[in-house]
Amino acid sequence: MAATSQPGPTRRSAVRLWRPRRALSTEEHEVPDTAALNAVLAGATDAVMRAIVKAVRAAEGFDGPGGVFPAYGDLY
């Protein structure tokens, strides 16, 4: 019994799968609450900022093949 291979989707048909069925601009949508979105984005900004500051302050300097690389805490 010989196995027959079925051709896979062509590039054109594969691209067609990712296209939306109708344009988003033609649908009726509610206007999103931008104040709530801004509050979430501000909270995310604060969290990222605190994580970066914590990582910079916890970093340690090291001696590498290119020389001495001091950390922020070693300098200030």
N, C-alpha and C. Protein backbone atom coordinates (compact mmCIF):
# COMPACT_ATOMS: atom_id res chain seq x y z
N MET A 1 0.85 -1.16 0.00
CA MET A 1 0.00 0.00 0.00
C MET A 1 0.90 1.23 0.00
N ALA A 2 0.82 2.02 -1.02
CA ALA A 2 1.67 3.18 -1.17
C ALA A 2 1.01 4.39 -0.51
N ALA A 3 1.82 5.13 0.20
CA ALA A 3 1.31 6.34 0.85
C ALA A 3 1.30 7.47 -0.18
N THR A 4 0.19 8.09 -0.29
CA THR A 4 0.10 9.22 -1.22
C THR A 4 0.16 10.51 -0.41
N SER A 5 0.93 11.41 -0.92
CA SER A 5 1.04 12.69 -0.21
C SER A 5 0.09 13.68 -0.86
N GLN A 6 -0.63 14.35 -0.03
CA GLN A 6 -1.54 15.37 -0.53
C GLN A 6 -0.83 16.71 -0.48
N PRO A 7 -0.99 17.50 -1.50
CA PRO A 7 -0.30 18.79 -1.47
C PRO A 7 -0.84 19.67 -0.36
N GLY A 8 0.05 20.39 0.28
CA GLY A 8 -0.33 21.30 1.35
C GLY A 8 -0.93 22.57 0.77
N PRO A 9 -1.31 23.47 1.61
CA PRO A 9 -1.89 24.71 1.11
C PRO A 9 -0.84 25.52 0.36
N THR A 10 -1.26 26.12 -0.69
CA THR A 10 -0.34 26.97 -1.45
C THR A 10 -0.11 28.25 -0.68
N ARG A 11 0.89 28.98 -1.10
CA ARG A 11 1.20 30.23 -0.41
C ARG A 11 0.02 31.19 -0.49
N ARG A 12 -0.64 31.22 -1.61
CA ARG A 12 -1.77 32.13 -1.77
C ARG A 12 -2.91 31.77 -0.83
N SER A 13 -3.22 30.48 -0.72
CA SER A 13 -4.33 30.09 0.15
C SER A 13 -3.94 30.24 1.63
N ALA A 14 -2.65 30.05 1.96
CA ALA A 14 -2.23 30.22 3.35
C ALA A 14 -2.33 31.68 3.77
N VAL A 15 -2.00 32.58 2.86
CA VAL A 15 -2.11 34.01 3.18
C VAL A 15 -3.57 34.39 3.33
N ARG A 16 -4.43 33.82 2.54
CA ARG A 16 -5.84 34.14 2.59
C ARG A 16 -6.45 33.76 3.94
N LEU A 17 -5.89 32.76 4.62
CA LEU A 17 -6.43 32.34 5.91
C LEU A 17 -6.28 33.42 6.97
N TRP A 18 -5.28 34.28 6.84
CA TRP A 18 -5.00 35.29 7.86
C TRP A 18 -5.74 36.59 7.62
N ARG A 19 -6.38 36.74 6.49
CA ARG A 19 -7.09 37.98 6.20
C ARG A 19 -8.44 37.98 6.91
N PRO A 20 -8.85 39.12 7.43
CA PRO A 20 -10.18 39.18 8.06
C PRO A 20 -11.27 39.01 7.01
N ARG A 21 -12.40 38.50 7.43
CA ARG A 21 -13.48 38.26 6.50
C ARG A 21 -14.20 39.55 6.09
N ARG A 22 -14.15 40.55 6.93
CA ARG A 22 -14.73 41.83 6.56
C ARG A 22 -13.88 42.94 7.17
N ALA A 23 -13.97 44.07 6.63
CA ALA A 23 -13.16 45.19 7.10
C ALA A 23 -13.64 45.63 8.47
N LEU A 24 -12.70 45.92 9.35
CA LEU A 24 -13.07 46.34 10.70
C LEU A 24 -13.70 47.72 10.70
N SER A 25 -13.36 48.54 9.73
CA SER A 25 -13.88 49.91 9.72
C SER A 25 -15.36 49.96 9.35
N THR A 26 -15.91 48.87 8.85
CA THR A 26 -17.31 48.89 8.46
C THR A 26 -18.23 48.44 9.58
N GLU A 27 -17.67 47.93 10.68
CA GLU A 27 -18.50 47.47 11.79
C GLU A 27 -18.75 48.60 12.77
N GLU A 28 -19.81 48.47 13.52
CA GLU A 28 -20.12 49.42 14.58
C GLU A 28 -19.39 48.97 15.84
N HIS A 29 -18.62 49.86 16.43
CA HIS A 29 -17.89 49.56 17.66
C HIS A 29 -18.15 50.66 18.67
N GLU A 30 -18.13 50.28 19.94
CA GLU A 30 -18.21 51.28 20.99
C GLU A 30 -16.86 51.96 21.13
N VAL A 31 -16.87 53.21 21.51
CA VAL A 31 -15.63 53.93 21.72
C VAL A 31 -15.03 53.42 23.03
N PRO A 32 -13.78 52.96 23.01
CA PRO A 32 -13.19 52.43 24.24
C PRO A 32 -12.97 53.54 25.28
N ASP A 33 -12.96 53.12 26.53
CA ASP A 33 -12.74 54.05 27.63
C ASP A 33 -11.25 54.34 27.71
N THR A 34 -10.83 55.45 27.14
CA THR A 34 -9.40 55.76 27.07
C THR A 34 -8.82 56.11 28.44
N ALA A 35 -9.63 56.63 29.35
CA ALA A 35 -9.12 56.95 30.68
C ALA A 35 -8.72 55.69 31.42
N ALA A 36 -9.51 54.63 31.29
CA ALA A 36 -9.17 53.37 31.95
C ALA A 36 -7.93 52.75 31.32
N LEU A 37 -7.82 52.85 30.00
CA LEU A 37 -6.64 52.33 29.32
C LEU A 37 -5.40 53.09 29.74
N ASN A 38 -5.49 54.40 29.86
CA ASN A 38 -4.35 55.20 30.30
C ASN A 38 -3.94 54.84 31.72
N ALA A 39 -4.91 54.54 32.58
CA ALA A 39 -4.59 54.14 33.95
C ALA A 39 -3.83 52.81 33.97
N VAL A 40 -4.25 51.88 33.13
CA VAL A 40 -3.55 50.59 33.05
C VAL A 40 -2.14 50.79 32.50
N LEU A 41 -2.01 51.60 31.45
CA LEU A 41 -0.69 51.84 30.87
C LEU A 41 0.24 52.57 31.85
N ALA A 42 -0.31 53.49 32.64
CA ALA A 42 0.49 54.19 33.64
C ALA A 42 0.97 53.22 34.71
N GLY A 43 0.11 52.32 35.13
CA GLY A 43 0.53 51.31 36.10
C GLY A 43 1.60 50.39 35.54
N ALA A 44 1.47 50.01 34.27
CA ALA A 44 2.49 49.16 33.63
C ALA A 44 3.81 49.90 33.52
N THR A 45 3.74 51.19 33.22
CA THR A 45 4.96 52.01 33.13
C THR A 45 5.67 52.07 34.47
N ASP A 46 4.92 52.26 35.53
CA ASP A 46 5.51 52.30 36.87
C ASP A 46 6.15 50.96 37.23
N ALA A 47 5.50 49.87 36.88
CA ALA A 47 6.04 48.54 37.20
C ALA A 47 7.34 48.28 36.45
N VAL A 48 7.38 48.65 35.18
CA VAL A 48 8.61 48.45 34.39
C VAL A 48 9.72 49.34 34.92
N MET A 49 9.39 50.58 35.25
CA MET A 49 10.40 51.50 35.77
C MET A 49 10.99 50.97 37.08
N ARG A 50 10.15 50.48 37.95
CA ARG A 50 10.64 49.96 39.23
C ARG A 50 11.49 48.72 39.03
N ALA A 51 11.12 47.87 38.07
CA ALA A 51 11.91 46.67 37.80
C ALA A 51 13.29 47.04 37.26
N ILE A 52 13.35 48.03 36.38
CA ILE A 52 14.64 48.46 35.83
C ILE A 52 15.51 49.06 36.92
N VAL A 53 14.95 49.93 37.74
CA VAL A 53 15.73 50.54 38.83
C VAL A 53 16.22 49.48 39.80
N LYS A 54 15.38 48.52 40.13
CA LYS A 54 15.77 47.45 41.04
C LYS A 54 16.91 46.63 40.45
N ALA A 55 16.84 46.34 39.15
CA ALA A 55 17.89 45.56 38.49
C ALA A 55 19.20 46.34 38.42
N VAL A 56 19.13 47.62 38.14
CA VAL A 56 20.34 48.45 38.06
C VAL A 56 21.00 48.56 39.42
N ARG A 57 20.20 48.73 40.46
CA ARG A 57 20.78 48.87 41.80
C ARG A 57 21.31 47.55 42.34
N ALA A 58 20.75 46.41 41.87
CA ALA A 58 21.22 45.10 42.34
C ALA A 58 22.41 44.58 41.54
N ALA A 59 22.70 45.18 40.41
CA ALA A 59 23.79 44.70 39.55
C ALA A 59 25.14 44.88 40.23
N GLU A 60 26.05 44.00 39.91
CA GLU A 60 27.41 44.06 40.44
C GLU A 60 28.38 44.23 39.28
N GLY A 61 29.42 44.98 39.52
CA GLY A 61 30.45 45.16 38.51
C GLY A 61 31.26 43.88 38.35
N PHE A 62 32.02 43.78 37.24
CA PHE A 62 32.85 42.59 37.02
C PHE A 62 34.06 42.95 36.18
N ASP A 63 35.08 42.10 36.31
CA ASP A 63 36.28 42.21 35.50
C ASP A 63 36.13 41.28 34.32
N GLY A 64 36.12 41.84 33.13
CA GLY A 64 35.96 41.04 31.92
C GLY A 64 37.19 41.11 31.05
N PRO A 65 37.16 40.43 29.92
CA PRO A 65 38.31 40.45 29.03
C PRO A 65 38.59 41.84 28.45
N GLY A 66 37.62 42.72 28.47
CA GLY A 66 37.81 44.07 27.95
C GLY A 66 38.18 45.07 29.02
N GLY A 67 38.26 44.63 30.26
CA GLY A 67 38.61 45.53 31.34
C GLY A 67 37.62 45.42 32.48
N VAL A 68 37.64 46.43 33.32
CA VAL A 68 36.76 46.46 34.49
C VAL A 68 35.46 47.17 34.09
N PHE A 69 34.34 46.53 34.42
CA PHE A 69 33.03 47.10 34.13
C PHE A 69 32.31 47.33 35.45
N PRO A 70 32.40 48.55 36.00
CA PRO A 70 31.76 48.81 37.28
C PRO A 70 30.24 48.93 37.13
N ALA A 71 29.56 48.59 38.19
CA ALA A 71 28.10 48.73 38.23
C ALA A 71 27.75 50.13 38.68
N TYR A 72 26.50 50.47 38.57
CA TYR A 72 26.02 51.80 39.00
C TYR A 72 26.32 52.02 40.48
N GLY A 73 26.08 50.99 41.29
CA GLY A 73 26.34 51.12 42.72
C GLY A 73 27.80 51.30 43.06
N ASP A 74 28.69 50.78 42.21
CA ASP A 74 30.12 50.97 42.45
C ASP A 74 30.55 52.41 42.14
N LEU A 75 29.87 53.05 41.25
CA LEU A 75 30.24 54.39 40.83
C LEU A 75 29.60 55.47 41.69
N TYR A 76 28.37 55.24 42.15
CA TYR A 76 27.66 56.30 42.88
C TYR A 76 27.27 55.83 44.24
